[in-house]
C-alpha atoms as a PDB file:
ATOM      1  CA  MET A   1      -5.393  18.764  16.996  1.00  0.00           C
ATOM      2  CA  PRO A   2      -4.497  19.249  13.355  1.00  0.00           C
ATOM      3  CA  ARG A   3      -7.302  18.768  10.883  1.00  0.00           C
ATOM      4  CA  TYR A   4      -6.787  17.073   7.557  1.00  0.00           C
ATOM      5  CA  ASP A   5      -8.469  17.547   4.258  1.00  0.00           C
ATOM      6  CA  ILE A   6      -9.161  14.263   2.618  1.00  0.00           C
ATOM      7  CA  THR A   7      -8.787  14.420  -1.087  1.00  0.00           C
ATOM      8  CA  PRO A   8      -9.722  11.276  -3.082  1.00  0.00           C
ATOM      9  CA  LEU A   9      -7.149  10.513  -5.840  1.00  0.00           C
ATOM     10  CA  THR A  10      -7.385   8.380  -8.910  1.00  0.00           C
ATOM     11  CA  PRO A  11      -4.645   5.721  -8.828  1.00  0.00           C
ATOM     12  CA  GLN A  12      -3.458   4.271 -12.106  1.00  0.00           C
ATOM     13  CA  PRO A  13      -1.325   1.236 -11.261  1.00  0.00           C
ATOM     14  CA  GLU A  14       0.603  -0.232 -14.038  1.00  0.00           C
ATOM     15  CA  PHE A  15       1.299  -3.905 -13.993  1.00  0.00           C
ATOM     16  CA  ASP A  16       5.050  -4.526 -14.263  1.00  0.00           C
ATOM     17  CA  ILE A  17       5.725  -8.304 -14.633  1.00  0.00           C
ATOM     18  CA  MET A  18       9.337  -7.977 -13.363  1.00  0.00           C
ATOM     19  CA  TYR A  19       8.208  -6.165 -10.264  1.00  0.00           C
ATOM     20  CA  PHE A  20       5.442  -8.742  -9.670  1.00  0.00           C
ATOM     21  CA  MET A  21       7.971 -11.629 -10.075  1.00  0.00           C
ATOM     22  CA  GLU A  22      10.341  -9.876  -7.512  1.00  0.00           C
ATOM     23  CA  ILE A  23       7.471  -9.523  -5.007  1.00  0.00           C
ATOM     24  CA  ALA A  24       6.277 -13.079  -5.615  1.00  0.00           C
ATOM     25  CA  GLY A  25       9.695 -14.599  -5.553  1.00  0.00           C
ATOM     26  CA  GLU A  26       9.166 -16.183  -8.955  1.00  0.00           C
ATOM     27  CA  THR A  27      11.543 -16.418 -11.944  1.00  0.00           C
ATOM     28  CA  ARG A  28       8.730 -16.935 -14.433  1.00  0.00           C
ATOM     29  CA  VAL A  29       4.996 -16.582 -14.697  1.00  0.00           C
ATOM     30  CA  ASP A  30       2.820 -18.878 -16.713  1.00  0.00           C
ATOM     31  CA  HIS A  31       0.716 -17.229 -19.502  1.00  0.00           C
ATOM     32  CA  ASP A  32      -2.452 -18.776 -18.258  1.00  0.00           C
ATOM     33  CA  LEU A  33      -1.928 -17.264 -14.850  1.00  0.00           C
ATOM     34  CA  MET A  34      -1.369 -13.848 -16.402  1.00  0.00           C
ATOM     35  CA  GLN A  35      -4.660 -14.300 -18.225  1.00  0.00           C
ATOM     36  CA  GLU A  36      -6.329 -15.176 -14.931  1.00  0.00           C
ATOM     37  CA  PHE A  37      -4.853 -12.051 -13.255  1.00  0.00           C
ATOM     38  CA  GLN A  38      -6.212  -9.644 -15.821  1.00  0.00           C
ATOM     39  CA  PRO A  39      -9.899  -9.423 -14.673  1.00  0.00           C
ATOM     40  CA  PHE A  40      -8.879  -9.191 -11.037  1.00  0.00           C
ATOM     41  CA  TRP A  41      -6.421  -6.432 -11.708  1.00  0.00           C
ATOM     42  CA  ASP A  42      -8.999  -4.511 -13.799  1.00  0.00           C
ATOM     43  CA  THR A  43     -11.720  -4.890 -11.191  1.00  0.00           C
ATOM     44  CA  TRP A  44      -9.500  -4.109  -8.229  1.00  0.00           C
ATOM     45  CA  ALA A  45      -8.093  -1.040 -10.021  1.00  0.00           C
ATOM     46  CA  ALA A  46     -11.634   0.232 -10.885  1.00  0.00           C
ATOM     47  CA  GLU A  47     -13.555  -0.741  -7.731  1.00  0.00           C
ATOM     48  CA  SER A  48     -11.403  -1.746  -4.795  1.00  0.00           C
ATOM     49  CA  LEU A  49      -8.288   0.426  -4.871  1.00  0.00           C
ATOM     50  CA  LYS A  50      -8.667   3.537  -2.760  1.00  0.00           C
ATOM     51  CA  ALA A  51      -6.284   6.441  -2.708  1.00  0.00           C
ATOM     52  CA  TYR A  52      -6.351   9.666  -0.699  1.00  0.00           C
ATOM     53  CA  LYS A  53      -4.209  12.671  -0.137  1.00  0.00           C
ATOM     54  CA  LEU A  54      -4.354  13.755   3.558  1.00  0.00           C
ATOM     55  CA  ALA A  55      -3.324  17.320   3.828  1.00  0.00           C
ATOM     56  CA  ASN A  56      -2.854  19.169   7.128  1.00  0.00           C
ATOM     57  CA  THR A  57      -5.102  22.301   6.932  1.00  0.00           C
ATOM     58  CA  GLY A  58      -2.933  24.061   9.513  1.00  0.00           C
ATOM     59  CA  GLY A  59       0.404  23.815   7.749  1.00  0.00           C
ATOM     60  CA  GLU A  60       3.000  21.262   6.991  1.00  0.00           C
ATOM     61  CA  GLY A  61       2.399  17.577   6.657  1.00  0.00           C
ATOM     62  CA  SER A  62       0.586  15.687   3.923  1.00  0.00           C
ATOM     63  CA  PHE A  63       0.339  11.943   3.366  1.00  0.00           C
ATOM     64  CA  LEU A  64      -0.625   9.481   0.768  1.00  0.00           C
ATOM     65  CA  LEU A  65      -2.957   6.608   1.894  1.00  0.00           C
ATOM     66  CA  ILE A  66      -3.618   3.854  -0.574  1.00  0.00           C
ATOM     67  CA  TYR A  67      -5.351   0.499   0.146  1.00  0.00           C
ATOM     68  CA  LEU A  68      -7.331  -2.343  -1.261  1.00  0.00           C
ATOM     69  CA  ASP A  69     -10.782  -2.633   0.257  1.00  0.00           C
ATOM     70  CA  GLN A  70     -12.400  -5.573   2.094  1.00  0.00           C
ATOM     71  CA  ALA A  71     -13.892  -6.995  -1.119  1.00  0.00           C
ATOM     72  CA  ALA A  72     -10.439  -7.479  -2.652  1.00  0.00           C
ATOM     73  CA  GLU A  73      -9.141  -9.032   0.580  1.00  0.00           C
ATOM     74  CA  ASP A  74     -12.086 -11.378   0.736  1.00  0.00           C
ATOM     75  CA  THR A  75     -11.462 -12.444  -2.859  1.00  0.00           C
ATOM     76  CA  ILE A  76      -7.839 -13.194  -2.168  1.00  0.00           C
ATOM     77  CA  GLU A  77      -8.702 -15.079   1.021  1.00  0.00           C
ATOM     78  CA  GLY A  78     -11.128 -17.236  -1.017  1.00  0.00           C
ATOM     79  CA  ILE A  79      -8.498 -18.010  -3.568  1.00  0.00           C
ATOM     80  CA  TRP A  80      -6.082 -18.872  -0.753  1.00  0.00           C
ATOM     81  CA  GLN A  81      -8.531 -21.245   0.816  1.00  0.00           C
ATOM     82  CA  ASP A  82      -8.940 -23.101  -2.441  1.00  0.00           C
ATOM     83  CA  SER A  83      -5.179 -23.149  -3.286  1.00  0.00           C
ATOM     84  CA  PRO A  84      -2.547 -21.682  -0.963  1.00  0.00           C
ATOM     85  CA  THR A  85      -0.023 -21.628  -3.858  1.00  0.00           C
ATOM     86  CA  HIS A  86      -2.477 -19.751  -6.049  1.00  0.00           C
ATOM     87  CA  GLY A  87      -3.523 -17.498  -3.109  1.00  0.00           C
ATOM     88  CA  LEU A  88       0.154 -16.524  -2.556  1.00  0.00           C
ATOM     89  CA  LEU A  89       0.392 -15.330  -6.121  1.00  0.00           C
ATOM     90  CA  PHE A  90      -2.783 -13.259  -5.780  1.00  0.00           C
ATOM     91  CA  HIS A  91      -1.460 -11.916  -2.544  1.00  0.00           C
ATOM     92  CA  ALA A  92       1.684 -10.798  -4.489  1.00  0.00           C
ATOM     93  CA  LEU A  93      -0.543  -9.328  -7.187  1.00  0.00           C
ATOM     94  CA  ALA A  94      -2.319  -7.205  -4.571  1.00  0.00           C
ATOM     95  CA  ILE A  95       0.979  -5.965  -3.108  1.00  0.00           C
ATOM     96  CA  THR A  96       2.076  -5.134  -6.625  1.00  0.00           C
ATOM     97  CA  MET A  97      -1.014  -3.162  -7.292  1.00  0.00           C
ATOM     98  CA  VAL A  98      -0.845  -1.066  -4.114  1.00  0.00           C
ATOM     99  CA  MET A  99       2.956  -0.426  -4.542  1.00  0.00           C
ATOM    100  CA  SER A 100       2.551   0.410  -8.188  1.00  0.00           C
ATOM    101  CA  ALA A 101      -0.268   2.848  -7.375  1.00  0.00           C
ATOM    102  CA  THR A 102       1.965   4.381  -4.626  1.00  0.00           C
ATOM    103  CA  GLN A 103       4.848   4.818  -7.001  1.00  0.00           C
ATOM    104  CA  GLY A 104       2.535   6.664  -9.401  1.00  0.00           C
ATOM    105  CA  PHE A 105       2.226   9.355  -6.774  1.00  0.00           C
ATOM    106  CA  VAL A 106       5.668   9.153  -5.173  1.00  0.00           C
ATOM    107  CA  PRO A 107       8.027   8.309  -8.061  1.00  0.00           C
ATOM    108  CA  GLU A 108      11.064   8.059  -5.687  1.00  0.00           C
ATOM    109  CA  LEU A 109       9.721   4.766  -4.515  1.00  0.00           C
ATOM    110  CA  ALA A 110      10.169   3.277  -7.964  1.00  0.00           C
ATOM    111  CA  ASP A 111      13.908   3.211  -7.304  1.00  0.00           C
ATOM    112  CA  GLY A 112      13.567   0.434  -4.809  1.00  0.00           C
ATOM    113  CA  LYS A 113      13.119   2.714  -1.796  1.00  0.00           C
ATOM    114  CA  CYS A 114      10.728   1.754   0.905  1.00  0.00           C
ATOM    115  CA  ALA A 115       7.671   3.794   1.520  1.00  0.00           C
ATOM    116  CA  PRO A 116       8.276   5.030   5.043  1.00  0.00           C
ATOM    117  CA  LEU A 117       5.369   4.855   7.449  1.00  0.00           C
ATOM    118  CA  PRO A 118       4.943   8.008   9.534  1.00  0.00           C
ATOM    119  CA  ARG A 119       3.777   8.005  13.090  1.00  0.00           C
ATOM    120  CA  PRO A 120       0.196   9.064  12.640  1.00  0.00           C
ATOM    121  CA  GLY A 121      -0.900  11.937  14.927  1.00  0.00           C
ATOM    122  CA  GLU A 122      -4.430  12.557  16.255  1.00  0.00           C
ATOM    123  CA  GLY A 123      -5.416  14.264  13.027  1.00  0.00           C
ATOM    124  CA  VAL A 124      -4.571  11.296  10.822  1.00  0.00           C
ATOM    125  CA  LEU A 125      -6.099   8.912  13.300  1.00  0.00           C
ATOM    126  CA  GLY A 126      -9.251  10.981  12.977  1.00  0.00           C
ATOM    127  CA  VAL A 127      -9.086  10.528   9.177  1.00  0.00           C
ATOM    128  CA  PHE A 128      -8.776   6.745   9.589  1.00  0.00           C
ATOM    129  CA  GLU A 129     -11.904   6.728  11.677  1.00  0.00           C
ATOM    130  CA  GLU A 130     -13.704   8.838   9.141  1.00  0.00           C
ATOM    131  CA  LEU A 131     -12.759   6.347   6.431  1.00  0.00           C
ATOM    132  CA  GLY A 132     -13.656   3.349   8.530  1.00  0.00           C
ATOM    133  CA  LEU A 133     -10.091   2.277   9.132  1.00  0.00           C
ATOM    134  CA  THR A 134      -8.402   1.332  12.421  1.00  0.00           C
ATOM    135  CA  TRP A 135      -4.759   2.045  13.382  1.00  0.00           C
ATOM    136  CA  ASN A 136      -2.903  -0.662  15.317  1.00  0.00           C
ATOM    137  CA  GLN A 137       0.018   0.345  17.430  1.00  0.00           C
ATOM    138  CA  GLU A 138       2.379  -2.099  15.733  1.00  0.00           C
ATOM    139  CA  GLY A 139       2.105   0.108  12.650  1.00  0.00           C
ATOM    140  CA  THR A 140      -0.705  -1.352  10.605  1.00  0.00           C
ATOM    141  CA  ILE A 141      -4.227  -0.503   9.717  1.00  0.00           C
ATOM    142  CA  ASN A 142      -7.120  -2.865   9.318  1.00  0.00           C
ATOM    143  CA  ARG A 143      -6.424  -3.412   5.674  1.00  0.00           C
ATOM    144  CA  LYS A 144      -3.909  -6.142   4.568  1.00  0.00           C
ATOM    145  CA  TYR A 145      -2.798  -4.200   1.415  1.00  0.00           C
ATOM    146  CA  ALA A 146      -2.179  -0.617   2.444  1.00  0.00           C
ATOM    147  CA  VAL A 147       0.401   2.181   2.304  1.00  0.00           C
ATOM    148  CA  LEU A 148       0.512   5.353   4.380  1.00  0.00           C
ATOM    149  CA  THR A 149       3.480   7.504   3.555  1.00  0.00           C
ATOM    150  CA  PRO A 150       4.510  11.224   3.347  1.00  0.00           C
ATOM    151  CA  LEU A 151       3.612  13.062   0.266  1.00  0.00           C
ATOM    152  CA  PRO A 152       5.832  14.274  -1.267  1.00  0.00           C
ATOM    153  CA  TYR A 153       8.621  11.987  -0.428  1.00  0.00           C
ATOM    154  CA  THR A 154      10.525  13.205   2.583  1.00  0.00           C
ATOM    155  CA  GLY A 155      13.012  10.416   3.305  1.00  0.00           C
ATOM    156  CA  GLY A 156      13.188   6.733   4.126  1.00  0.00           C
ATOM    157  CA  CYS A 157      14.214   4.909   7.255  1.00  0.00           C
ATOM    158  CA  GLU A 158      14.971   8.172   9.142  1.00  0.00           C
ATOM    159  CA  VAL A 159      11.235   9.207   9.098  1.00  0.00           C
ATOM    160  CA  CYS A 160       9.693   5.710   9.337  1.00  0.00           C
ATOM    161  CA  TYR A 161       7.652   4.615  12.434  1.00  0.00           C
ATOM    162  CA  LEU A 162       8.995   1.116  11.942  1.00  0.00           C
ATOM    163  CA  SER A 163      12.686   1.893  11.616  1.00  0.00           C
ATOM    164  CA  ASP A 164      13.593   0.284  14.962  1.00  0.00           C
ATOM    165  CA  ASN A 165      12.020  -3.021  14.012  1.00  0.00           C
ATOM    166  CA  CYS A 166      12.485  -3.194  10.173  1.00  0.00           C
ATOM    167  CA  PRO A 167      15.216  -5.599   9.051  1.00  0.00           C
ATOM    168  CA  LYS A 168      15.899  -3.166   6.044  1.00  0.00           C
ATOM    169  CA  SER A 169      16.282  -0.129   8.304  1.00  0.00           C
ATOM    170  CA  THR A 170      19.390   2.051   7.902  1.00  0.00           C
ATOM    171  CA  ALA A 171      18.385   4.137  10.955  1.00  0.00           C
ATOM    172  CA  ARG A 172      17.944   1.367  13.524  1.00  0.00           C
ATOM    173  CA  SER A 173      19.767   1.865  16.719  1.00  0.00           C
ATOM    174  CA  ASN A 174      21.902  -1.233  17.507  1.00  0.00           C
END
């Protein structure tokens, strides 16, 4: 079984209002809402956003793992319970943060490309366990806001675990 070195990284997500609006499906964002976002963005970036490089110690294969921790998820869930509309905007904010952080390490993704999800082998599953994460066979981990993708970029749909089910897939067999 391959072993992976786990190297913590320091993500530096940049808030891009146009990218946020695309994710949120909005055409404009109220100034007061932007003011409300600021402390959440700052806190999540400093405390809740986790990033790791997973490098195969025996050769090829390294991955980027980025996610928001349970505290951020709980905050968003609380906002959602108070106001589903507001909660949806904070949900989009969390996605924006994780994807912006990912793009900081994999610049090819800034061109609108998807972050392909690799099929994790036993070594990566061991890393998940070490980090307190759980892999689900449908291609998710037990974090709502997370990305696992090859590092460096190695292609899109053709290397993605979800390519057979993804509506955006260019590699799906018909």
